[in-house]
C-alpha atoms as a PDB file:
ATOM      1  CA  LEU A   1     -45.181 -25.540  16.445  1.00  0.00           C
ATOM      2  CA  GLY A   2     -47.700 -22.971  16.098  1.00  0.00           C
ATOM      3  CA  GLY A   3     -45.311 -20.155  17.567  1.00  0.00           C
ATOM      4  CA  ARG A   4     -44.714 -16.995  15.838  1.00  0.00           C
ATOM      5  CA  MET A   5     -42.575 -17.448  12.980  1.00  0.00           C
ATOM      6  CA  PRO A   6     -39.171 -15.451  13.067  1.00  0.00           C
ATOM      7  CA  GLU A   7     -39.095 -12.476  10.987  1.00  0.00           C
ATOM      8  CA  LYS A   8     -36.952 -12.164   7.918  1.00  0.00           C
ATOM      9  CA  VAL A   9     -35.286  -8.609   8.843  1.00  0.00           C
ATOM     10  CA  THR A  10     -34.108  -6.801  11.728  1.00  0.00           C
ATOM     11  CA  ALA A  11     -34.359  -3.359  11.953  1.00  0.00           C
ATOM     12  CA  VAL A  12     -31.651  -1.473  13.987  1.00  0.00           C
ATOM     13  CA  ILE A  13     -32.191   1.694  15.232  1.00  0.00           C
ATOM     14  CA  SER A  14     -29.873   4.211  16.714  1.00  0.00           C
ATOM     15  CA  CYS A  15     -30.693   7.107  19.180  1.00  0.00           C
ATOM     16  CA  MET A  16     -28.013   8.063  20.960  1.00  0.00           C
ATOM     17  CA  THR A  17     -28.754  11.829  21.812  1.00  0.00           C
ATOM     18  CA  ASP A  18     -31.768  13.522  23.796  1.00  0.00           C
ATOM     19  CA  ALA A  19     -32.214  15.380  20.383  1.00  0.00           C
ATOM     20  CA  GLU A  20     -33.914  12.492  19.064  1.00  0.00           C
ATOM     21  CA  ARG A  21     -36.448  12.335  21.763  1.00  0.00           C
ATOM     22  CA  PRO A  22     -39.111  14.120  20.002  1.00  0.00           C
ATOM     23  CA  PHE A  23     -38.722  12.080  16.764  1.00  0.00           C
ATOM     24  CA  ILE A  24     -37.825   8.370  18.005  1.00  0.00           C
ATOM     25  CA  ARG A  25     -40.963   7.338  18.895  1.00  0.00           C
ATOM     26  CA  ALA A  26     -42.451   7.866  15.242  1.00  0.00           C
ATOM     27  CA  ALA A  27     -39.201   5.753  13.927  1.00  0.00           C
ATOM     28  CA  LEU A  28     -40.336   3.034  16.094  1.00  0.00           C
ATOM     29  CA  GLU A  29     -43.755   3.052  15.192  1.00  0.00           C
ATOM     30  CA  SER A  30     -42.703   2.629  11.326  1.00  0.00           C
ATOM     31  CA  VAL A  31     -40.951  -0.133  11.828  1.00  0.00           C
ATOM     32  CA  VAL A  32     -43.840  -1.834  14.103  1.00  0.00           C
ATOM     33  CA  ASN A  33     -46.321  -1.117  11.490  1.00  0.00           C
ATOM     34  CA  GLN A  34     -44.790  -2.569   8.800  1.00  0.00           C
ATOM     35  CA  THR A  35     -47.116  -4.496   6.358  1.00  0.00           C
ATOM     36  CA  MET A  36     -43.847  -6.839   6.155  1.00  0.00           C
ATOM     37  CA  PRO A  37     -42.702  -7.915  10.635  1.00  0.00           C
ATOM     38  CA  CYS A  38     -39.749  -6.332  11.413  1.00  0.00           C
ATOM     39  CA  ALA A  39     -37.834  -7.524  14.383  1.00  0.00           C
ATOM     40  CA  ALA A  40     -36.839  -3.869  15.790  1.00  0.00           C
ATOM     41  CA  ARG A  41     -33.919  -3.316  18.346  1.00  0.00           C
ATOM     42  CA  VAL A  42     -33.324   0.420  19.388  1.00  0.00           C
ATOM     43  CA  TYR A  43     -29.839   0.868  20.440  1.00  0.00           C
ATOM     44  CA  VAL A  44     -29.879   3.910  22.834  1.00  0.00           C
ATOM     45  CA  ALA A  45     -27.082   5.800  25.147  1.00  0.00           C
ATOM     46  CA  ASP A  46     -27.066   3.774  28.675  1.00  0.00           C
ATOM     47  CA  THR A  47     -27.399   7.347  30.393  1.00  0.00           C
ATOM     48  CA  ASN A  48     -30.836   7.300  28.412  1.00  0.00           C
ATOM     49  CA  ASP A  49     -33.634   8.147  31.191  1.00  0.00           C
ATOM     50  CA  TRP A  50     -36.317   8.532  29.235  1.00  0.00           C
ATOM     51  CA  ILE A  51     -36.519   5.769  26.357  1.00  0.00           C
ATOM     52  CA  ALA A  52     -38.770   3.726  28.718  1.00  0.00           C
ATOM     53  CA  ASN A  53     -41.841   6.429  28.069  1.00  0.00           C
ATOM     54  CA  VAL A  54     -41.483   6.506  24.390  1.00  0.00           C
ATOM     55  CA  THR A  55     -41.236   2.863  23.741  1.00  0.00           C
ATOM     56  CA  GLU A  56     -44.574   2.291  26.345  1.00  0.00           C
ATOM     57  CA  GLY A  57     -46.898  -0.314  24.359  1.00  0.00           C
ATOM     58  CA  LEU A  58     -44.423  -1.170  21.846  1.00  0.00           C
ATOM     59  CA  GLU A  59     -43.759  -4.657  23.210  1.00  0.00           C
ATOM     60  CA  GLN A  60     -42.227  -5.860  19.829  1.00  0.00           C
ATOM     61  CA  VAL A  61     -38.818  -3.332  20.264  1.00  0.00           C
ATOM     62  CA  VAL A  62     -36.054  -4.365  22.278  1.00  0.00           C
ATOM     63  CA  VAL A  63     -34.668  -1.750  23.719  1.00  0.00           C
ATOM     64  CA  ARG A  64     -30.716  -1.888  24.090  1.00  0.00           C
ATOM     65  CA  PRO A  65     -28.950   0.224  25.935  1.00  0.00           C
ATOM     66  CA  VAL A  66     -25.130   0.700  25.149  1.00  0.00           C
ATOM     67  CA  PRO A  67     -22.206   3.444  25.928  1.00  0.00           C
ATOM     68  CA  MET A  68     -22.303   6.209  23.678  1.00  0.00           C
ATOM     69  CA  MET A  69     -21.001   4.941  20.433  1.00  0.00           C
ATOM     70  CA  PRO A  70     -20.460   6.151  16.657  1.00  0.00           C
ATOM     71  CA  ALA A  71     -23.623   5.121  14.316  1.00  0.00           C
ATOM     72  CA  SER A  72     -20.849   2.735  12.834  1.00  0.00           C
ATOM     73  CA  ALA A  73     -20.077   0.823  15.955  1.00  0.00           C
ATOM     74  CA  ILE A  74     -24.178   0.720  16.377  1.00  0.00           C
ATOM     75  CA  ARG A  75     -24.601  -0.795  13.195  1.00  0.00           C
ATOM     76  CA  ASN A  76     -22.193  -3.312  13.249  1.00  0.00           C
ATOM     77  CA  LEU A  77     -23.435  -4.428  16.818  1.00  0.00           C
ATOM     78  CA  GLY A  78     -26.702  -4.640  15.819  1.00  0.00           C
ATOM     79  CA  VAL A  79     -25.706  -6.847  12.985  1.00  0.00           C
ATOM     80  CA  LYS A  80     -23.577  -9.215  15.103  1.00  0.00           C
ATOM     81  CA  GLU A  81     -26.958  -9.095  17.622  1.00  0.00           C
ATOM     82  CA  ALA A  82     -29.756  -9.750  14.931  1.00  0.00           C
ATOM     83  CA  ASN A  83     -31.202 -13.161  14.501  1.00  0.00           C
ATOM     84  CA  SER A  84     -32.292 -12.742  10.830  1.00  0.00           C
ATOM     85  CA  ASP A  85     -31.155 -13.593   7.123  1.00  0.00           C
ATOM     86  CA  LEU A  86     -31.492  -9.511   6.523  1.00  0.00           C
ATOM     87  CA  VAL A  87     -30.825  -6.465   8.112  1.00  0.00           C
ATOM     88  CA  ALA A  88     -31.926  -2.768   7.965  1.00  0.00           C
ATOM     89  CA  PHE A  89     -30.964   0.094   9.448  1.00  0.00           C
ATOM     90  CA  LEU A  90     -32.865   3.394  10.623  1.00  0.00           C
ATOM     91  CA  ASP A  91     -31.822   6.375  12.411  1.00  0.00           C
ATOM     92  CA  GLY A  92     -33.559   7.847  15.341  1.00  0.00           C
ATOM     93  CA  ASP A  93     -35.003  10.821  13.836  1.00  0.00           C
ATOM     94  CA  ASP A  94     -36.295   9.242   9.744  1.00  0.00           C
ATOM     95  CA  PHE A  95     -38.707   7.024   9.296  1.00  0.00           C
ATOM     96  CA  TRP A  96     -40.189   4.062   7.241  1.00  0.00           C
ATOM     97  CA  PHE A  97     -43.384   4.253   4.801  1.00  0.00           C
ATOM     98  CA  PRO A  98     -45.568   0.988   5.400  1.00  0.00           C
ATOM     99  CA  ALA A  99     -44.676  -1.101   2.593  1.00  0.00           C
ATOM    100  CA  LYS A 100     -40.638  -0.419   2.607  1.00  0.00           C
ATOM    101  CA  THR A 101     -39.368  -3.779   4.166  1.00  0.00           C
ATOM    102  CA  GLU A 102     -42.457  -5.766   1.622  1.00  0.00           C
ATOM    103  CA  ARG A 103     -40.899  -3.747  -1.286  1.00  0.00           C
ATOM    104  CA  GLN A 104     -37.392  -4.251  -0.857  1.00  0.00           C
ATOM    105  CA  VAL A 105     -37.512  -7.727   0.321  1.00  0.00           C
ATOM    106  CA  ALA A 106     -39.395  -9.003  -2.807  1.00  0.00           C
ATOM    107  CA  ALA A 107     -37.037  -6.802  -4.792  1.00  0.00           C
ATOM    108  CA  LEU A 108     -33.847  -8.597  -3.131  1.00  0.00           C
ATOM    109  CA  GLN A 109     -35.629 -12.194  -3.840  1.00  0.00           C
ATOM    110  CA  GLN A 110     -36.541 -11.265  -7.641  1.00  0.00           C
ATOM    111  CA  ASN A 111     -33.567 -10.083  -8.566  1.00  0.00           C
ATOM    112  CA  ALA A 112     -31.089 -12.285  -6.573  1.00  0.00           C
ATOM    113  CA  VAL A 113     -28.799  -9.635  -4.607  1.00  0.00           C
ATOM    114  CA  ASP A 114     -27.269  -8.407  -1.599  1.00  0.00           C
ATOM    115  CA  PHE A 115     -28.422  -5.443  -1.227  1.00  0.00           C
ATOM    116  CA  ALA A 116     -31.862  -3.268  -1.735  1.00  0.00           C
ATOM    117  CA  GLY A 117     -31.440   0.528  -1.185  1.00  0.00           C
ATOM    118  CA  ALA A 118     -34.492   2.592  -1.859  1.00  0.00           C
ATOM    119  CA  ASP A 119     -35.445   6.261  -2.695  1.00  0.00           C
ATOM    120  CA  HIS A 120     -36.376   8.812   0.355  1.00  0.00           C
ATOM    121  CA  VAL A 121     -38.261  11.927   1.105  1.00  0.00           C
ATOM    122  CA  LEU A 122     -37.179  15.150   2.833  1.00  0.00           C
ATOM    123  CA  VAL A 123     -39.223  16.573   5.491  1.00  0.00           C
ATOM    124  CA  ASP A 124     -38.780  19.169   7.963  1.00  0.00           C
ATOM    125  CA  GLU A 125     -38.829  18.630  11.910  1.00  0.00           C
ATOM    126  CA  ALA A 126     -42.746  18.410  11.842  1.00  0.00           C
ATOM    127  CA  GLY A 127     -42.735  15.429   9.567  1.00  0.00           C
ATOM    128  CA  ARG A 128     -43.688  17.846   6.624  1.00  0.00           C
ATOM    129  CA  LYS A 129     -42.336  16.822   2.962  1.00  0.00           C
ATOM    130  CA  PHE A 130     -40.451  19.512   1.318  1.00  0.00           C
ATOM    131  CA  ALA A 131     -38.705  17.705  -1.594  1.00  0.00           C
ATOM    132  CA  TYR A 132     -37.970  14.207  -3.261  1.00  0.00           C
ATOM    133  CA  GLY A 133     -34.547  13.080  -2.819  1.00  0.00           C
ATOM    134  CA  MET A 134     -31.947  11.810  -5.817  1.00  0.00           C
ATOM    135  CA  ALA A 135     -30.558   8.558  -4.381  1.00  0.00           C
ATOM    136  CA  ARG A 136     -28.359   8.068  -7.693  1.00  0.00           C
ATOM    137  CA  TYR A 137     -25.379   7.557  -6.300  1.00  0.00           C
ATOM    138  CA  ILE A 138     -25.988   5.952  -2.795  1.00  0.00           C
ATOM    139  CA  PRO A 139     -29.026   5.718  -0.427  1.00  0.00           C
ATOM    140  CA  MET A 140     -29.525   6.853   2.603  1.00  0.00           C
ATOM    141  CA  PRO A 141     -28.590   4.401   5.182  1.00  0.00           C
ATOM    142  CA  SER A 142     -32.169   4.219   6.842  1.00  0.00           C
ATOM    143  CA  SER A 143     -33.529   2.731   3.325  1.00  0.00           C
ATOM    144  CA  TRP A 144     -30.693  -0.192   3.620  1.00  0.00           C
ATOM    145  CA  LEU A 145     -31.694  -3.498   3.409  1.00  0.00           C
ATOM    146  CA  VAL A 146     -28.752  -6.043   3.241  1.00  0.00           C
ATOM    147  CA  ARG A 147     -27.677  -9.555   3.671  1.00  0.00           C
ATOM    148  CA  ARG A 148     -26.942 -10.362   6.997  1.00  0.00           C
ATOM    149  CA  ASP A 149     -23.614 -11.945   6.176  1.00  0.00           C
ATOM    150  CA  LEU A 150     -22.570  -9.558   3.813  1.00  0.00           C
ATOM    151  CA  MET A 151     -22.329  -7.104   6.300  1.00  0.00           C
ATOM    152  CA  LEU A 152     -20.999  -9.756   9.003  1.00  0.00           C
ATOM    153  CA  GLU A 153     -18.340  -9.893   5.905  1.00  0.00           C
ATOM    154  CA  TYR A 154     -17.666  -6.488   5.417  1.00  0.00           C
ATOM    155  CA  PRO A 155     -18.505  -4.379   8.681  1.00  0.00           C
ATOM    156  CA  PHE A 156     -18.729  -0.592   8.732  1.00  0.00           C
ATOM    157  CA  ASN A 157     -15.046   0.926   9.068  1.00  0.00           C
ATOM    158  CA  GLU A 158     -15.917   2.335  12.662  1.00  0.00           C
ATOM    159  CA  ARG A 159     -12.692   4.823  12.239  1.00  0.00           C
ATOM    160  CA  VAL A 160     -13.836   6.986   9.571  1.00  0.00           C
ATOM    161  CA  ARG A 161     -16.265   9.846   9.520  1.00  0.00           C
ATOM    162  CA  ILE A 162     -18.996   8.736   6.904  1.00  0.00           C
ATOM    163  CA  GLU A 163     -19.295   4.793   7.391  1.00  0.00           C
ATOM    164  CA  ASP A 164     -21.556   4.419   4.952  1.00  0.00           C
ATOM    165  CA  GLY A 165     -19.539   6.171   1.940  1.00  0.00           C
ATOM    166  CA  GLU A 166     -16.592   4.129   2.450  1.00  0.00           C
ATOM    167  CA  TRP A 167     -18.439   1.055   2.926  1.00  0.00           C
ATOM    168  CA  TRP A 168     -20.169   1.717  -0.270  1.00  0.00           C
ATOM    169  CA  ARG A 169     -17.102   2.298  -2.167  1.00  0.00           C
ATOM    170  CA  ARG A 170     -15.308  -0.738  -0.727  1.00  0.00           C
ATOM    171  CA  THR A 171     -17.912  -3.378  -1.271  1.00  0.00           C
ATOM    172  CA  ALA A 172     -18.630  -2.373  -4.702  1.00  0.00           C
ATOM    173  CA  GLU A 173     -17.046  -5.537  -6.220  1.00  0.00           C
ATOM    174  CA  LYS A 174     -17.972  -7.558  -3.445  1.00  0.00           C
ATOM    175  CA  SER A 175     -22.135  -6.953  -3.585  1.00  0.00           C
ATOM    176  CA  ARG A 176     -24.807  -7.050  -5.964  1.00  0.00           C
ATOM    177  CA  ARG A 177     -27.341  -4.123  -5.421  1.00  0.00           C
ATOM    178  CA  ILE A 178     -30.498  -2.318  -6.699  1.00  0.00           C
ATOM    179  CA  ARG A 179     -32.441   0.461  -6.420  1.00  0.00           C
ATOM    180  CA  VAL A 180     -35.953   0.140  -5.647  1.00  0.00           C
ATOM    181  CA  SER A 181     -37.374   3.308  -7.257  1.00  0.00           C
ATOM    182  CA  GLU A 182     -39.514   3.864  -4.600  1.00  0.00           C
ATOM    183  CA  PHE A 183     -40.213   6.619  -2.126  1.00  0.00           C
ATOM    184  CA  LEU A 184     -39.842   4.343   0.609  1.00  0.00           C
ATOM    185  CA  ILE A 185     -38.511   6.532   3.907  1.00  0.00           C
ATOM    186  CA  ALA A 186     -38.793   9.877   5.111  1.00  0.00           C
ATOM    187  CA  TYR A 187     -35.304  11.804   5.964  1.00  0.00           C
ATOM    188  CA  ARG A 188     -35.857  14.301   8.440  1.00  0.00           C
ATOM    189  CA  VAL A 189     -33.594  17.249   7.856  1.00  0.00           C
ATOM    190  CA  ARG A 190     -33.098  19.031  11.337  1.00  0.00           C
ATOM    191  CA  GLN A 191     -30.914  22.312  11.541  1.00  0.00           C
ATOM    192  CA  ASN A 192     -27.721  22.228  13.521  1.00  0.00           C
ATOM    193  CA  SER A 193     -28.190  19.072  14.160  1.00  0.00           C
ATOM    194  CA  LEU A 194     -24.707  16.331  14.034  1.00  0.00           C
ATOM    195  CA  SER A 195     -24.014  16.193  10.947  1.00  0.00           C
ATOM    196  CA  SER A 196     -25.209  19.550   9.503  1.00  0.00           C
ATOM    197  CA  GLY A 197     -21.771  20.414   8.538  1.00  0.00           C
ATOM    198  CA  TYR A 198     -21.159  17.794   5.579  1.00  0.00           C
ATOM    199  CA  GLY A 199     -21.947  18.663   2.538  1.00  0.00           C
ATOM    200  CA  GLY A 200     -24.913  16.734   1.633  1.00  0.00           C
ATOM    201  CA  ARG A 201     -26.443  18.102   4.874  1.00  0.00           C
ATOM    202  CA  GLN A 202     -25.701  21.730   3.862  1.00  0.00           C
ATOM    203  CA  ARG A 203     -27.759  20.962   0.692  1.00  0.00           C
ATOM    204  CA  LYS A 204     -30.286  20.273   2.192  1.00  0.00           C
ATOM    205  CA  GLU A 205     -30.951  22.419   4.863  1.00  0.00           C
ATOM    206  CA  THR A 206     -30.811  25.087   1.800  1.00  0.00           C
ATOM    207  CA  VAL A 207     -33.411  23.380   0.127  1.00  0.00           C
ATOM    208  CA  LEU A 208     -35.683  23.365   3.734  1.00  0.00           C
ATOM    209  CA  ARG A 209     -34.871  26.695   4.093  1.00  0.00           C
ATOM    210  CA  ALA A 210     -36.344  27.656   0.619  1.00  0.00           C
ATOM    211  CA  ALA A 211     -39.148  25.351   1.025  1.00  0.00           C
ATOM    212  CA  GLN A 212     -39.821  27.307   4.241  1.00  0.00           C
ATOM    213  CA  VAL A 213     -40.270  30.851   2.384  1.00  0.00           C
ATOM    214  CA  ARG A 214     -44.255  31.277   1.916  1.00  0.00           C
ATOM    215  CA  GLY A 215     -45.617  29.888  -1.529  1.00  0.00           C
ATOM    216  CA  LEU A 216     -41.906  27.957  -2.393  1.00  0.00           C
ATOM    217  CA  ARG A 217     -42.913  24.522  -1.000  1.00  0.00           C
ATOM    218  CA  PRO A 218     -44.769  23.369  -4.033  1.00  0.00           C
ATOM    219  CA  LEU A 219     -42.118  24.745  -6.228  1.00  0.00           C
ATOM    220  CA  THR A 220     -39.151  22.569  -4.215  1.00  0.00           C
ATOM    221  CA  LEU A 221     -41.538  19.573  -4.353  1.00  0.00           C
ATOM    222  CA  ALA A 222     -42.367  19.952  -8.160  1.00  0.00           C
ATOM    223  CA  ALA A 223     -38.765  20.741  -9.057  1.00  0.00           C
ATOM    224  CA  SER A 224     -37.277  17.643  -7.138  1.00  0.00           C
ATOM    225  CA  PHE A 225     -39.842  14.984  -8.251  1.00  0.00           C
ATOM    226  CA  VAL A 226     -39.054  15.971 -12.126  1.00  0.00           C
ATOM    227  CA  LEU A 227     -35.654  15.344 -11.372  1.00  0.00           C
ATOM    228  CA  ASN A 228     -36.055  12.375  -9.634  1.00  0.00           C
ATOM    229  CA  ARG A 229     -38.377  10.858 -12.224  1.00  0.00           C
ATOM    230  CA  LEU A 230     -35.745  12.025 -14.829  1.00  0.00           C
ATOM    231  CA  HIS A 231     -32.833   9.709 -13.106  1.00  0.00           C
ATOM    232  CA  ARG A 232     -35.020   6.832 -12.077  1.00  0.00           C
ATOM    233  CA  ASP A 233     -33.275   3.453 -12.650  1.00  0.00           C
ATOM    234  CA  SER A 234     -32.756   0.311 -10.775  1.00  0.00           C
ATOM    235  CA  LYS A 235     -28.774   0.913 -10.520  1.00  0.00           C
ATOM    236  CA  TYR A 236     -26.980   3.470  -8.727  1.00  0.00           C
ATOM    237  CA  VAL A 237     -24.563   5.557 -10.695  1.00  0.00           C
ATOM    238  CA  ASP A 238     -20.828   4.466 -10.599  1.00  0.00           C
ATOM    239  CA  HIS A 239     -19.676   8.602  -9.846  1.00  0.00           C
ATOM    240  CA  LYS A 240     -16.140   8.401 -10.073  1.00  0.00           C
ATOM    241  CA  SER A 241     -15.951  12.020  -8.694  1.00  0.00           C
ATOM    242  CA  TRP A 242     -18.254  10.834  -5.969  1.00  0.00           C
ATOM    243  CA  GLN A 243     -16.440  11.866  -2.428  1.00  0.00           C
ATOM    244  CA  ALA A 244     -17.200  10.018   0.532  1.00  0.00           C
ATOM    245  CA  GLN A 245     -18.639  12.774   2.579  1.00  0.00           C
ATOM    246  CA  GLN A 246     -21.138  13.445  -0.076  1.00  0.00           C
ATOM    247  CA  HIS A 247     -24.660  12.013  -0.847  1.00  0.00           C
END
């Protein structure tokens, strides 16, 4: 009696490459500083020799060294090891805004759904905002909040390249979803990242290059904000021609 109440949400954070080293502290702090407390588990490659320095002072974060594995396997493992009713995912170079968990948990409970996504802003490597995302068809995995029992029943397919898109289509008739039309996460666009070859990432890098031209950043922000507001909704669009490799 009198002990700390268990968190409703476990954040499963992936950090498998040295390229995420400059960004992982911001990701972890964004979880620790949520207005609704989260359990935080960061999965790192077992060859990682610098994570202890990065997590210094963040006693709430559980560091879990694992063999090198894809994001799908990390997320499945994190779901299995979580001790909460809800799970959320975060890539090591993205970060959440402070009320992300609170807003999504409220939406999930008020609407009796299994899944709550959120809108995102695009930031460069320095964390500077340069555009607002659309997220009409599928939200960024770093914004997902999902009932853990649903993820246990329908885990990510570890044999496909884009596991979030495959999961999204496979569970379309098996899960109730809601879109929280608020900007609750920052998706960091890194040129030459592991995902740079995918169509959606290529488009984001194109917008980033445009925003880096002197005077154009306000224009990319304004134009993308207007597009987002035009398509603001509580539901995701069932786009029949949408392909798993695109966002």
